């Protein structure tokens, strides 16, 4: 039987955990789930544009990055660390420890999310006036704390199942979340007439969707046969384990923090720069909706095929643990992933460059975003490879490197947006050019960093010597007859 499809099973009392699942099955599960999420996202944005207009979508786009930023801070990078640690524990047959670190992560994030929700609720008016410089977003900010606790706890369960190579719970929860989001968006938008209230209605629908997604994960876990885990054999003390988890997670938190701050800064920076280019505030908000709310999601839609590959590779990279004996098979899979990302980028570029305006017209009832789709699509052959590169760095636990790459990209992209969003570069056209250049820069730097770290892990002299000693021990233990 081909070992690629083989299942290793760990038994503990009356529960069973599959330690390896077919990569293709995980990829297809994630691909179908991601495809459904992206299609639902398009449907949701199209509904907002058709029922409320581009200005309401622009306000929604201003608020949502703040939600992502706070969620990044609250989770402190623990979900990614949880995935890699669970994969490692499962591969070594210590599934009780995997369950234990899930519980620790869930408890830490629960406490942090409670505090963050209270703080966000208290500062919503101040943030609207002093940070967003648009008091109209205050109403939408009301609904963020309602979803924060549930979305962060859902991230823990999703990461846990990801580390176990079980993608079904993620797919189910995402499906429930999108159904609730679209249904409530349609119902709530019809109740209001002004852009601020319509943006708030869309945010309320998103909050309810996050709660529904978490509820689906909890229900899935309660119905699992392996939900009850024995802990009597655990010997590792909680405090050292938590310290190690946080030490691994903090660079990831800061990486996500930098990325989210960049997005928020750009959300604030771009309208102000467009205002200096002669746009009114309403025109600037509408332009933001057209570029980041309408064009960008279409351009990145083909990435629905890349993210599942990166997600499926992450536990494999972590489980390899720098073992040279596993490197050849891993390298083969990574080469396929990179070739697939580049090929998908080229095909997507051609299709979007030719049919971008028609796609925008079909989805939103207007082709105004078509020219931005054609411009942004130029970056895709390079941009898609960045997803694979970051997965490699995360799988190798090079969290500090991820932080450095993200920080460098944040500085460069923000600088480009500031420099190019001005009248002589066509206002919003300059913003598009800066965004395109930022994507290419990020993918390039991430690719170089992934290559260097991968070689250090698998091809360093120390690793080679260890592999040689291991082979000598095997030969000595198994002499020829």
Protein backbone atom coordinates (compact mmCIF):
# COMPACT_ATOMS: atom_id res chain seq x y z
CA UNK A 1 0.00 0.00 0.00
CA UNK A 2 1.32 3.45 -0.93
CA UNK A 3 2.47 5.20 2.27
CA UNK A 4 1.18 8.51 0.87
CA UNK A 5 -2.34 7.27 1.52
CA UNK A 6 -1.55 5.29 4.67
CA UNK A 7 -3.03 6.28 8.03
CA UNK A 8 -1.13 6.02 11.27
CA UNK A 9 -3.41 5.70 14.25
CA UNK A 10 -2.71 6.53 17.87
CA UNK A 11 -4.87 4.80 20.47
CA UNK A 12 -5.53 6.11 23.96
CA UNK A 13 -8.28 4.37 25.93
CA UNK A 14 -11.41 4.65 23.77
CA UNK A 15 -10.37 7.30 21.30
CA UNK A 16 -8.54 7.26 18.00
CA UNK A 17 -6.70 10.06 16.21
CA UNK A 18 -5.52 9.74 12.61
CA UNK A 19 -2.01 11.14 12.52
CA UNK A 20 -1.68 11.41 8.76
CA UNK A 21 -4.38 12.00 6.21
CA UNK A 22 -4.00 12.05 2.45
CA UNK A 23 -2.60 15.42 1.39
CA UNK A 24 -4.86 15.44 -1.63
CA UNK A 25 -7.94 14.95 0.53
CA UNK A 26 -6.94 17.85 2.80
CA UNK A 27 -6.19 20.04 -0.18
CA UNK A 28 -9.53 19.31 -1.82
CA UNK A 29 -11.39 19.89 1.43
CA UNK A 30 -9.68 23.23 1.95
CA UNK A 31 -10.08 24.17 -1.69
CA UNK A 32 -13.82 23.53 -1.70
CA UNK A 33 -14.18 25.37 1.61
CA UNK A 34 -12.07 28.31 0.45
CA UNK A 35 -13.91 28.45 -2.84
CA UNK A 36 -17.19 28.63 -0.98
CA UNK A 37 -15.85 31.36 1.31
CA UNK A 38 -14.60 33.48 -1.59
CA UNK A 39 -17.79 33.05 -3.56
CA UNK A 40 -19.78 34.01 -0.47
CA UNK A 41 -17.52 37.01 0.04
CA UNK A 42 -18.14 38.14 -3.54
CA UNK A 43 -21.85 37.63 -3.07
CA UNK A 44 -21.78 39.63 0.17
CA UNK A 45 -19.88 42.53 -1.38
CA UNK A 46 -22.07 42.47 -4.46
CA UNK A 47 -25.13 42.63 -2.20
CA UNK A 48 -23.70 45.62 -0.33
CA UNK A 49 -22.87 47.45 -3.57
CA UNK A 50 -26.23 46.72 -5.19
CA UNK A 51 -28.37 47.44 -2.12
CA UNK A 52 -26.30 50.18 -0.47
CA UNK A 53 -23.68 51.47 -2.93
CA UNK A 54 -19.89 51.79 -3.07
CA UNK A 55 -19.79 54.38 -0.27
CA UNK A 56 -21.33 51.98 2.26
CA UNK A 57 -18.88 49.31 1.13
CA UNK A 58 -16.05 51.80 1.57
CA UNK A 59 -17.09 52.51 5.17
CA UNK A 60 -17.31 48.77 5.83
CA UNK A 61 -13.81 48.38 4.37
CA UNK A 62 -12.55 51.05 6.76
CA UNK A 63 -13.93 49.27 9.83
CA UNK A 64 -13.03 45.66 9.10
CA UNK A 65 -9.20 46.09 9.27
CA UNK A 66 -9.59 47.38 12.84
CA UNK A 67 -11.39 44.16 13.71
CA UNK A 68 -8.58 42.08 12.20
CA UNK A 69 -5.95 44.11 14.06
CA UNK A 70 -7.61 43.59 17.45
CA UNK A 71 -8.13 39.89 16.73
CA UNK A 72 -4.43 39.59 15.86
CA UNK A 73 -3.42 41.18 19.15
CA UNK A 74 -5.83 39.06 21.18
CA UNK A 75 -4.72 35.75 19.68
CA UNK A 76 -1.01 36.75 20.08
CA UNK A 77 -0.04 34.38 17.27
CA UNK A 78 -1.07 31.29 19.24
CA UNK A 79 -3.21 29.65 16.51
CA UNK A 80 -0.26 29.22 14.12
CA UNK A 81 1.97 27.95 16.92
CA UNK A 82 -0.82 25.61 18.01
CA UNK A 83 -1.02 24.11 14.51
CA UNK A 84 2.71 23.38 14.34
CA UNK A 85 2.91 22.04 17.90
CA UNK A 86 -0.14 19.82 17.50
CA UNK A 87 1.29 18.40 14.28
CA UNK A 88 4.58 17.74 16.08
CA UNK A 89 2.96 16.09 19.11
CA UNK A 90 0.69 13.96 16.94
CA UNK A 91 3.62 12.79 14.80
CA UNK A 92 5.45 11.71 17.99
CA UNK A 93 2.42 9.88 19.40
CA UNK A 94 1.75 12.28 22.30
CA UNK A 95 -1.80 13.28 21.42
CA UNK A 96 -2.67 14.10 25.05
CA UNK A 97 -0.17 16.95 24.95
CA UNK A 98 -1.74 18.23 21.76
CA UNK A 99 -5.13 18.36 23.45
CA UNK A 100 -3.61 20.02 26.48
CA UNK A 101 -1.97 22.88 24.60
CA UNK A 102 -5.31 23.48 22.85
CA UNK A 103 -6.93 24.00 26.22
CA UNK A 104 -4.14 26.31 27.37
CA UNK A 105 -4.35 28.40 24.22
CA UNK A 106 -8.14 28.63 24.48
CA UNK A 107 -7.96 29.81 28.10
CA UNK A 108 -5.33 32.47 27.40
CA UNK A 109 -7.17 33.83 24.37
CA UNK A 110 -10.50 33.86 26.20
CA UNK A 111 -9.12 36.10 28.94
CA UNK A 112 -7.44 38.44 26.44
CA UNK A 113 -10.54 38.67 24.24
CA UNK A 114 -12.75 39.67 27.21
CA UNK A 115 -10.41 42.54 28.07
CA UNK A 116 -10.09 43.65 24.44
CA UNK A 117 -13.85 43.63 23.92
CA UNK A 118 -14.41 45.89 26.92
CA UNK A 119 -11.67 48.26 25.76
CA UNK A 120 -12.97 48.40 22.20
CA UNK A 121 -16.51 49.11 23.33
CA UNK A 122 -15.29 51.97 25.51
CA UNK A 123 -13.10 53.60 22.83
CA UNK A 124 -15.31 53.21 19.75
CA UNK A 125 -16.28 56.89 19.51
CA UNK A 126 -12.70 58.06 20.07
CA UNK A 127 -11.42 55.69 17.38
CA UNK A 128 -14.04 56.89 14.89
CA UNK A 129 -13.13 60.55 15.35
CA UNK A 130 -9.39 60.51 16.01
CA UNK A 131 -8.15 57.47 14.12
CA UNK A 132 -10.51 56.97 11.20
CA UNK A 133 -11.22 60.71 11.00
CA UNK A 134 -14.77 59.81 10.03
CA UNK A 135 -17.38 59.76 12.78
CA UNK A 136 -19.73 57.80 10.49
CA UNK A 137 -17.94 54.54 11.32
CA UNK A 138 -18.78 54.79 15.04
CA UNK A 139 -22.03 52.86 14.64
CA UNK A 140 -20.33 49.99 12.83
CA UNK A 141 -17.69 49.78 15.57
CA UNK A 142 -20.42 48.90 18.09
CA UNK A 143 -20.70 45.36 16.73
CA UNK A 144 -17.00 44.41 16.86
CA UNK A 145 -16.86 43.35 20.55
CA UNK A 146 -19.85 41.07 20.03
CA UNK A 147 -17.89 38.88 17.65
CA UNK A 148 -14.35 39.18 18.98
CA UNK A 149 -14.51 36.51 21.69
CA UNK A 150 -16.18 33.96 19.43
CA UNK A 151 -13.96 34.52 16.40
CA UNK A 152 -10.76 34.24 18.47
CA UNK A 153 -11.91 31.04 20.18
CA UNK A 154 -12.91 29.67 16.77
CA UNK A 155 -9.36 30.34 15.56
CA UNK A 156 -8.05 28.08 18.34
CA UNK A 157 -10.28 25.16 17.35
CA UNK A 158 -9.52 25.63 13.66
CA UNK A 159 -5.77 25.64 14.37
CA UNK A 160 -6.08 22.52 16.49
CA UNK A 161 -7.86 20.58 13.77
CA UNK A 162 -5.43 21.93 11.20
CA UNK A 163 -2.53 20.50 13.17
CA UNK A 164 -4.34 17.16 13.24
CA UNK A 165 -4.73 17.35 9.45
CA UNK A 166 -8.51 17.29 9.86
CA UNK A 167 -9.94 20.04 7.68
CA UNK A 168 -13.61 19.06 7.89
CA UNK A 169 -14.46 21.17 10.98
CA UNK A 170 -12.96 24.24 9.35
CA UNK A 171 -14.95 23.65 6.19
CA UNK A 172 -18.20 23.13 8.08
CA UNK A 173 -17.77 26.22 10.28
CA UNK A 174 -16.88 28.39 7.30
CA UNK A 175 -19.95 27.22 5.42
CA UNK A 176 -22.23 28.06 8.35
CA UNK A 177 -20.53 31.43 8.80
CA UNK A 178 -21.00 32.48 5.18
CA UNK A 179 -24.64 31.41 5.02
CA UNK A 180 -25.44 33.47 8.11
CA UNK A 181 -23.44 36.46 6.87
CA UNK A 182 -25.14 36.65 3.47
CA UNK A 183 -28.63 36.00 4.82
CA UNK A 184 -28.40 38.65 7.51
CA UNK A 185 -26.73 41.16 5.18
CA UNK A 186 -29.69 40.96 2.82
CA UNK A 187 -32.20 41.28 5.64
CA UNK A 188 -30.46 44.10 7.53
CA UNK A 189 -29.44 46.27 4.57
CA UNK A 190 -33.05 46.51 3.47
CA UNK A 191 -33.92 48.13 6.82
CA UNK A 192 -31.69 51.21 6.45
CA UNK A 193 -31.19 53.97 3.88
CA UNK A 194 -27.99 55.87 4.80
CA UNK A 195 -24.44 54.64 4.13
CA UNK A 196 -23.26 54.72 7.80
CA UNK A 197 -26.20 52.65 9.01
CA UNK A 198 -25.88 50.27 6.07
CA UNK A 199 -22.17 49.76 6.86
CA UNK A 200 -23.12 49.10 10.48
CA UNK A 201 -25.74 46.58 9.32
CA UNK A 202 -23.11 44.75 7.27
CA UNK A 203 -20.79 44.67 10.29
CA UNK A 204 -23.61 43.35 12.48
CA UNK A 205 -24.17 40.54 9.98
CA UNK A 206 -20.45 39.72 10.08
CA UNK A 207 -20.54 39.62 13.89
CA UNK A 208 -23.47 37.21 13.89
CA UNK A 209 -21.67 35.08 11.29
CA UNK A 210 -18.58 34.78 13.51
CA UNK A 211 -20.73 33.61 16.40
CA UNK A 212 -22.45 31.05 14.18
CA UNK A 213 -19.11 29.73 12.89
CA UNK A 214 -17.84 29.23 16.44
CA UNK A 215 -21.07 27.50 17.43
CA UNK A 216 -20.61 25.05 14.52
CA UNK A 217 -17.08 24.20 15.69
CA UNK A 218 -18.26 23.62 19.26
CA UNK A 219 -21.07 21.38 18.06
CA UNK A 220 -18.65 19.45 15.87
CA UNK A 221 -16.29 18.94 18.79
CA UNK A 222 -19.06 17.78 21.12
CA UNK A 223 -20.16 15.14 18.64
CA UNK A 224 -16.64 13.78 18.07
CA UNK A 225 -15.82 10.32 19.34
CA UNK A 226 -12.37 11.49 20.39
CA UNK A 227 -13.48 14.58 22.29
CA UNK A 228 -12.70 13.03 25.68
CA UNK A 229 -8.95 12.96 26.16
CA UNK A 230 -7.06 11.30 28.97
CA UNK A 231 -4.59 13.59 30.75
CA UNK A 232 -3.26 11.42 33.53
CA UNK A 233 -0.02 10.64 31.69
CA UNK A 234 0.91 14.29 31.09
CA UNK A 235 4.14 15.19 32.81
CA UNK A 236 5.02 18.59 31.40
CA UNK A 237 4.29 21.44 33.80
CA UNK A 238 1.80 24.02 32.58
CA UNK A 239 3.87 27.14 33.24
CA UNK A 240 6.96 26.13 31.17
CA UNK A 241 4.72 24.88 28.39
CA UNK A 242 2.82 28.17 28.29
CA UNK A 243 6.06 30.17 28.33
CA UNK A 244 7.39 28.19 25.38
CA UNK A 245 4.16 28.66 23.44
CA UNK A 246 4.17 32.41 24.03
CA UNK A 247 7.86 32.66 23.11
CA UNK A 248 7.04 31.04 19.77
CA UNK A 249 3.85 33.02 19.24
CA UNK A 250 4.98 36.57 20.01
CA UNK A 251 6.94 37.05 16.77
CA UNK A 252 3.89 35.81 14.87
CA UNK A 253 1.65 38.18 16.81
CA UNK A 254 3.90 41.11 15.99
CA UNK A 255 4.00 39.97 12.37
CA UNK A 256 0.21 39.90 12.19
CA UNK A 257 0.10 43.16 14.14
CA UNK A 258 2.39 44.85 11.64
CA UNK A 259 0.32 43.55 8.73
CA UNK A 260 -2.94 44.66 10.31
CA UNK A 261 -1.54 48.06 11.28
CA UNK A 262 -0.35 48.45 7.70
CA UNK A 263 -3.83 47.71 6.41
CA UNK A 264 -5.42 50.09 8.88
CA UNK A 265 -2.83 52.79 8.18
CA UNK A 266 -3.48 52.44 4.47
CA UNK A 267 -7.23 52.64 5.05
CA UNK A 268 -6.65 55.97 6.79
CA UNK A 269 -3.76 57.17 4.60
CA UNK A 270 -5.25 56.59 1.16
CA UNK A 271 -8.48 58.62 1.63
CA UNK A 272 -6.48 61.51 3.07
CA UNK A 273 -4.02 61.45 0.17
CA UNK A 274 -6.91 61.28 -2.28
CA UNK A 275 -8.50 64.24 -0.48
CA UNK A 276 -5.26 66.16 -1.14
CA UNK A 277 -5.57 65.14 -4.80
CA UNK A 278 -8.89 67.01 -5.02
CA UNK A 279 -11.32 64.22 -4.10
CA UNK A 280 -14.15 65.00 -1.69
CA UNK A 281 -14.33 62.77 1.38
CA UNK A 282 -17.33 60.99 -0.11
CA UNK A 283 -15.47 60.45 -3.40
CA UNK A 284 -12.40 59.18 -1.56
CA UNK A 285 -14.49 56.68 0.43
CA UNK A 286 -16.20 55.54 -2.76
CA UNK A 287 -12.82 55.12 -4.48
CA UNK A 288 -11.64 52.99 -1.55
CA UNK A 289 -14.69 50.79 -1.99
CA UNK A 290 -14.05 50.41 -5.71
CA UNK A 291 -10.38 49.49 -5.32
CA UNK A 292 -10.14 47.50 -2.09
CA UNK A 293 -13.74 46.36 -1.77
CA UNK A 294 -14.56 45.53 -5.41
CA UNK A 295 -11.40 45.10 -7.52
CA UNK A 296 -8.96 43.52 -5.07
CA UNK A 297 -11.21 40.58 -4.02
CA UNK A 298 -11.73 39.66 -7.69
CA UNK A 299 -7.99 39.75 -8.36
CA UNK A 300 -7.23 37.50 -5.41
CA UNK A 301 -10.07 35.09 -6.05
CA UNK A 302 -7.78 32.55 -7.84
CA UNK A 303 -5.73 32.43 -4.64
CA UNK A 304 -8.49 30.16 -3.34
CA UNK A 305 -6.43 27.38 -4.98
CA UNK A 306 -3.13 28.45 -3.38
CA UNK A 307 -4.10 28.85 0.28
CA UNK A 308 -5.30 25.23 0.64
CA UNK A 309 -1.97 23.99 -0.71
CA UNK A 310 -0.06 26.15 1.76
CA UNK A 311 -2.31 25.05 4.63
CA UNK A 312 -1.92 21.37 3.74
CA UNK A 313 1.88 21.75 3.58
CA UNK A 314 2.23 23.52 6.93
CA UNK A 315 1.85 20.41 9.17
CA UNK A 316 4.13 18.40 6.86
CA UNK A 317 6.88 21.02 7.05
CA UNK A 318 6.55 21.16 10.83
CA UNK A 319 6.54 17.37 11.21
CA UNK A 320 9.69 17.08 9.05
CA UNK A 321 11.49 18.99 11.80
CA UNK A 322 14.62 19.53 9.74
CA UNK A 323 15.10 15.78 9.33
CA UNK A 324 17.27 15.34 6.19
CA UNK A 325 15.71 11.93 5.53
CA UNK A 326 12.36 13.63 4.92
CA UNK A 327 13.74 16.52 2.91
CA UNK A 328 13.62 14.97 -0.56
CA UNK A 329 9.90 14.19 -0.38
CA UNK A 330 9.14 17.59 1.17
CA UNK A 331 11.20 19.44 -1.45
CA UNK A 332 9.31 17.66 -4.22
CA UNK A 333 5.97 18.79 -2.78
CA UNK A 334 7.22 22.36 -2.34
CA UNK A 335 8.45 22.55 -5.94
CA UNK A 336 5.04 21.42 -7.14
CA UNK A 337 3.39 24.03 -4.94
CA UNK A 338 5.58 26.83 -6.32
CA UNK A 339 5.07 25.73 -9.92
CA UNK A 340 1.34 25.56 -9.34
CA UNK A 341 1.30 29.06 -7.81
CA UNK A 342 3.21 30.59 -10.73
CA UNK A 343 1.13 28.75 -13.33
CA UNK A 344 -2.11 29.78 -11.65
CA UNK A 345 -0.85 33.36 -11.52
CA UNK A 346 -0.15 33.43 -15.25
CA UNK A 347 -3.52 31.96 -16.17
CA UNK A 348 -5.28 34.34 -13.79
CA UNK A 349 -3.42 37.31 -15.23
CA UNK A 350 -4.54 36.49 -18.76
CA UNK A 351 -8.16 35.84 -17.81
CA UNK A 352 -8.53 38.90 -15.57
CA UNK A 353 -6.75 41.22 -17.99
CA UNK A 354 -9.12 40.17 -20.74
CA UNK A 355 -12.32 39.82 -18.77
CA UNK A 356 -11.89 41.99 -15.66
CA UNK A 357 -14.46 44.67 -16.61
CA UNK A 358 -17.03 42.06 -17.63
CA UNK A 359 -16.59 40.21 -14.31
CA UNK A 360 -17.03 43.45 -12.36
CA UNK A 361 -20.13 44.31 -14.37
CA UNK A 362 -21.64 40.89 -13.74
CA UNK A 363 -20.95 40.96 -10.00
CA UNK A 364 -21.55 44.57 -9.05
CA UNK A 365 -23.72 45.94 -11.84
CA UNK A 366 -20.94 48.38 -12.81
CA UNK A 367 -17.63 47.98 -14.63
CA UNK A 368 -15.94 50.88 -12.84
CA UNK A 369 -13.53 48.52 -11.03
CA UNK A 370 -12.50 46.82 -14.28
CA UNK A 371 -9.47 49.00 -14.99
CA UNK A 372 -8.13 48.41 -11.47
CA UNK A 373 -8.59 44.66 -11.88
CA UNK A 374 -6.47 44.72 -15.05
CA UNK A 375 -3.69 46.68 -13.34
CA UNK A 376 -3.55 44.60 -10.14
CA UNK A 377 -3.61 41.32 -12.07
CA UNK A 378 -0.12 42.06 -13.39
CA UNK A 379 1.34 41.08 -10.01
CA UNK A 380 -0.30 37.67 -9.72
CA UNK A 381 2.39 35.33 -11.15
CA UNK A 382 4.73 36.58 -8.44
CA UNK A 383 2.25 37.41 -5.67
CA UNK A 384 0.80 33.90 -5.33
CA UNK A 385 4.22 32.42 -4.51
CA UNK A 386 4.37 34.53 -1.35
CA UNK A 387 1.66 32.35 0.22
CA UNK A 388 3.82 29.23 -0.17
CA UNK A 389 6.93 31.02 1.13
CA UNK A 390 5.22 32.19 4.31
CA UNK A 391 3.87 28.67 4.89
CA UNK A 392 7.45 27.35 4.69
CA UNK A 393 8.68 29.90 7.23
CA UNK A 394 5.80 29.17 9.59
CA UNK A 395 6.27 25.41 9.23
CA UNK A 396 9.98 25.75 10.04
CA UNK A 397 9.00 27.90 13.05
CA UNK A 398 11.05 30.81 11.74
CA UNK A 399 8.63 33.21 13.34
CA UNK A 400 11.13 36.02 13.76
CA UNK A 401 11.90 35.87 10.05
CA UNK A 402 8.19 36.15 9.26
CA UNK A 403 8.07 39.23 11.49
CA UNK A 404 11.03 40.82 9.74
CA UNK A 405 9.61 40.13 6.28
CA UNK A 406 6.21 41.54 7.27
CA UNK A 407 7.74 44.63 8.86
CA UNK A 408 9.94 45.35 5.85
CA UNK A 409 6.97 44.96 3.52
CA UNK A 410 4.86 47.23 5.73
CA UNK A 411 7.43 50.02 5.59
CA UNK A 412 7.95 49.72 1.83
CA UNK A 413 4.25 49.46 0.90
CA UNK A 414 3.19 52.35 3.12
CA UNK A 415 5.99 54.45 1.68
CA UNK A 416 4.90 53.59 -1.86
CA UNK A 417 1.28 54.47 -1.11
CA UNK A 418 2.31 57.82 0.33
CA UNK A 419 4.66 58.61 -2.55
CA UNK A 420 2.46 57.50 -5.45
CA UNK A 421 -1.01 58.59 -4.31
CA UNK A 422 -0.75 62.11 -5.66
CA UNK A 423 -2.08 64.11 -8.63
CA UNK A 424 0.85 63.61 -11.00
CA UNK A 425 0.40 59.82 -10.78
CA UNK A 426 -3.35 60.00 -11.33
CA UNK A 427 -4.60 59.88 -7.73
CA UNK A 428 -6.14 56.44 -7.33
CA UNK A 429 -4.09 55.10 -10.26
CA UNK A 430 -1.00 55.83 -8.17
CA UNK A 431 -2.57 53.90 -5.28
CA UNK A 432 -3.10 50.93 -7.57
CA UNK A 433 0.53 51.07 -8.77
CA UNK A 434 1.78 51.22 -5.17
CA UNK A 435 -0.39 48.26 -4.17
CA UNK A 436 0.84 46.22 -7.14
CA UNK A 437 4.50 46.99 -6.39
CA UNK A 438 3.97 46.14 -2.72
CA UNK A 439 2.59 42.70 -3.56
CA UNK A 440 5.55 41.90 -5.80
CA UNK A 441 8.03 43.15 -3.19
CA UNK A 442 6.48 41.04 -0.43
CA UNK A 443 6.45 37.85 -2.50
CA UNK A 444 10.07 38.38 -3.55
CA UNK A 445 11.39 39.03 -0.05
CA UNK A 446 9.36 36.15 1.42
CA UNK A 447 10.68 33.81 -1.28
CA UNK A 448 14.31 34.70 -0.62
CA UNK A 449 13.82 34.36 3.15
CA UNK A 450 12.09 30.97 2.79
CA UNK A 451 14.89 29.67 0.54
CA UNK A 452 17.63 30.76 2.95
CA UNK A 453 15.90 29.40 6.06
CA UNK A 454 15.03 26.12 4.36
CA UNK A 455 18.66 25.57 3.38
CA UNK A 456 19.84 26.40 6.90
CA UNK A 457 17.46 23.87 8.42
CA UNK A 458 18.02 20.98 6.02
CA UNK A 459 21.48 21.57 4.54
CA UNK A 460 23.59 23.05 7.33
CA UNK A 461 26.85 21.19 8.14
CA UNK A 462 25.48 20.26 11.58
CA UNK A 463 22.41 18.65 10.02
CA UNK A 464 24.51 16.79 7.48
CA UNK A 465 26.80 15.46 10.22
CA UNK A 466 23.81 14.37 12.29
CA UNK A 467 22.34 12.57 9.29
CA UNK A 468 25.66 10.83 8.64
CA UNK A 469 25.92 9.69 12.27
CA UNK A 470 22.34 8.43 12.10
CA UNK A 471 23.05 6.41 8.95
CA UNK A 472 26.16 4.89 10.57
CA UNK A 473 24.11 3.87 13.60
CA UNK A 474 21.52 2.22 11.37
CA UNK A 475 24.19 0.28 9.49
CA UNK A 476 25.84 -0.81 12.73
CA UNK A 477 22.54 -1.94 14.19
CA UNK A 478 21.63 -3.87 11.05
CA UNK A 479 24.76 -5.60 9.73
CA UNK A 480 24.57 -7.56 6.51
CA UNK A 481 24.25 -11.31 6.97
